[in-house]
Amino acid sequence: MVDRVYKGGIPALRKELEELRREFSALHLKTDWVRLRIDPLVKHARELERQLSSQRFSREFSRLSRGVAQFHSDLVYLRTNSKELRTILQFEKAKRSN
């Protein structure tokens, strides 16, 4: 279960963050959310993906079931940041349309 959820969730969240990067870049805000939050989050997600697909960890998942909380915390971290960035983006877009 960890394998499927984690390996599927991380790439999906990375793609979502990359979409947020494009949307924030188009707004030209005073706060550079791309450099401040999005780029570090994308980098973190890419590193997790790289580690998961490496030969070193390909046989580890059966033994990693004891680390489910750590896998879950990565997903929660990325999801929470993505959600909050989406909220900021919606606020900024609404502010501009008024």
Protein backbone atom coordinates (compact mmCIF):
# COMPACT_ATOMS: atom_id res chain seq x y z
CA MET A 1 0.00 0.00 0.00
CA VAL A 2 2.76 2.46 0.87
CA ASP A 3 4.35 1.79 -2.49
CA ARG A 4 1.26 2.57 -4.57
CA VAL A 5 -0.02 5.57 -2.60
CA TYR A 6 3.36 7.16 -2.08
CA LYS A 7 4.73 6.54 -5.57
CA GLY A 8 1.51 7.88 -7.11
CA GLY A 9 0.96 10.79 -4.73
CA ILE A 10 4.37 12.41 -4.95
CA PRO A 11 4.42 12.80 -8.77
CA ALA A 12 0.83 14.07 -8.77
CA LEU A 13 1.66 16.69 -6.17
CA ARG A 14 4.81 17.70 -8.05
CA LYS A 15 2.74 18.25 -11.19
CA GLU A 16 0.23 20.29 -9.22
CA LEU A 17 3.03 22.44 -7.82
CA GLU A 18 4.47 22.95 -11.30
CA GLU A 19 1.05 24.14 -12.46
CA LEU A 20 0.93 26.54 -9.51
CA ARG A 21 4.38 27.78 -10.54
CA ARG A 22 3.04 28.67 -14.01
CA GLU A 23 -0.02 30.39 -12.57
CA PHE A 24 1.91 32.41 -9.99
CA SER A 25 4.53 33.40 -12.57
CA ALA A 26 1.82 34.90 -14.74
CA LEU A 27 0.64 37.22 -11.95
CA HIS A 28 3.91 39.08 -11.19
CA LEU A 29 3.18 39.55 -7.48
CA LYS A 30 5.24 41.52 -4.96
CA THR A 31 5.89 38.32 -3.01
CA ASP A 32 7.73 35.84 -5.18
CA TRP A 33 5.88 32.69 -4.12
CA VAL A 34 7.63 30.70 -6.82
CA ARG A 35 11.09 31.22 -5.37
CA LEU A 36 9.92 31.39 -1.77
CA ARG A 37 7.81 28.20 -1.58
CA ILE A 38 7.07 26.50 -4.89
CA ASP A 39 10.59 25.88 -6.16
CA PRO A 40 11.76 24.35 -2.85
CA LEU A 41 8.66 22.15 -2.71
CA VAL A 42 9.12 20.96 -6.29
CA LYS A 43 12.77 20.24 -5.57
CA HIS A 44 11.78 18.21 -2.51
CA ALA A 45 9.16 16.24 -4.46
CA ARG A 46 11.61 15.54 -7.30
CA GLU A 47 14.21 14.27 -4.84
CA LEU A 48 11.65 11.96 -3.23
CA GLU A 49 10.66 10.67 -6.68
CA ARG A 50 14.30 10.12 -7.58
CA GLN A 51 14.93 8.18 -4.39
CA LEU A 52 11.81 6.05 -4.84
CA SER A 53 12.77 5.07 -8.36
CA SER A 54 16.40 4.32 -7.57
CA GLN A 55 17.73 0.76 -7.49
CA ARG A 56 18.68 1.24 -3.88
CA PHE A 57 15.06 1.49 -2.72
CA SER A 58 13.32 -0.72 -5.27
CA ARG A 59 13.47 -3.74 -2.96
CA GLU A 60 12.93 -1.82 0.29
CA PHE A 61 9.17 -1.31 0.32
CA SER A 62 8.34 -4.61 1.99
CA ARG A 63 10.55 -3.58 4.91
CA LEU A 64 9.41 0.04 4.98
CA SER A 65 5.90 -0.69 6.21
CA ARG A 66 7.05 0.37 9.69
CA GLY A 67 7.79 3.84 8.27
CA VAL A 68 4.26 4.56 7.04
CA ALA A 69 3.98 7.65 9.27
CA GLN A 70 7.05 9.15 7.60
CA PHE A 71 5.70 8.51 4.12
CA HIS A 72 2.37 9.96 5.16
CA SER A 73 4.04 13.08 6.59
CA ASP A 74 5.70 13.80 3.22
CA LEU A 75 2.34 13.58 1.47
CA VAL A 76 0.61 15.74 4.09
CA TYR A 77 3.41 18.34 3.90
CA LEU A 78 3.18 18.65 0.13
CA ARG A 79 -0.64 18.57 0.08
CA THR A 80 -0.93 21.24 2.78
CA ASN A 81 1.51 23.55 1.04
CA SER A 82 -0.20 23.03 -2.31
CA LYS A 83 -3.61 23.75 -0.79
CA GLU A 84 -2.42 26.94 0.90
CA LEU A 85 -0.69 28.13 -2.25
CA ARG A 86 -3.90 27.49 -4.18
CA THR A 87 -5.77 29.64 -1.60
CA ILE A 88 -3.25 32.47 -2.01
CA LEU A 89 -3.51 32.21 -5.79
CA GLN A 90 -7.31 32.43 -5.70
CA PHE A 91 -7.14 35.46 -3.39
CA GLU A 92 -4.65 37.23 -5.67
CA LYS A 93 -6.70 36.49 -8.77
CA ALA A 94 -9.87 37.77 -7.08
CA LYS A 95 -8.06 40.91 -5.94
CA ARG A 96 -6.94 41.62 -9.49
CA SER A 97 -10.39 41.12 -10.98
CA ASN A 98 -11.94 43.75 -8.65
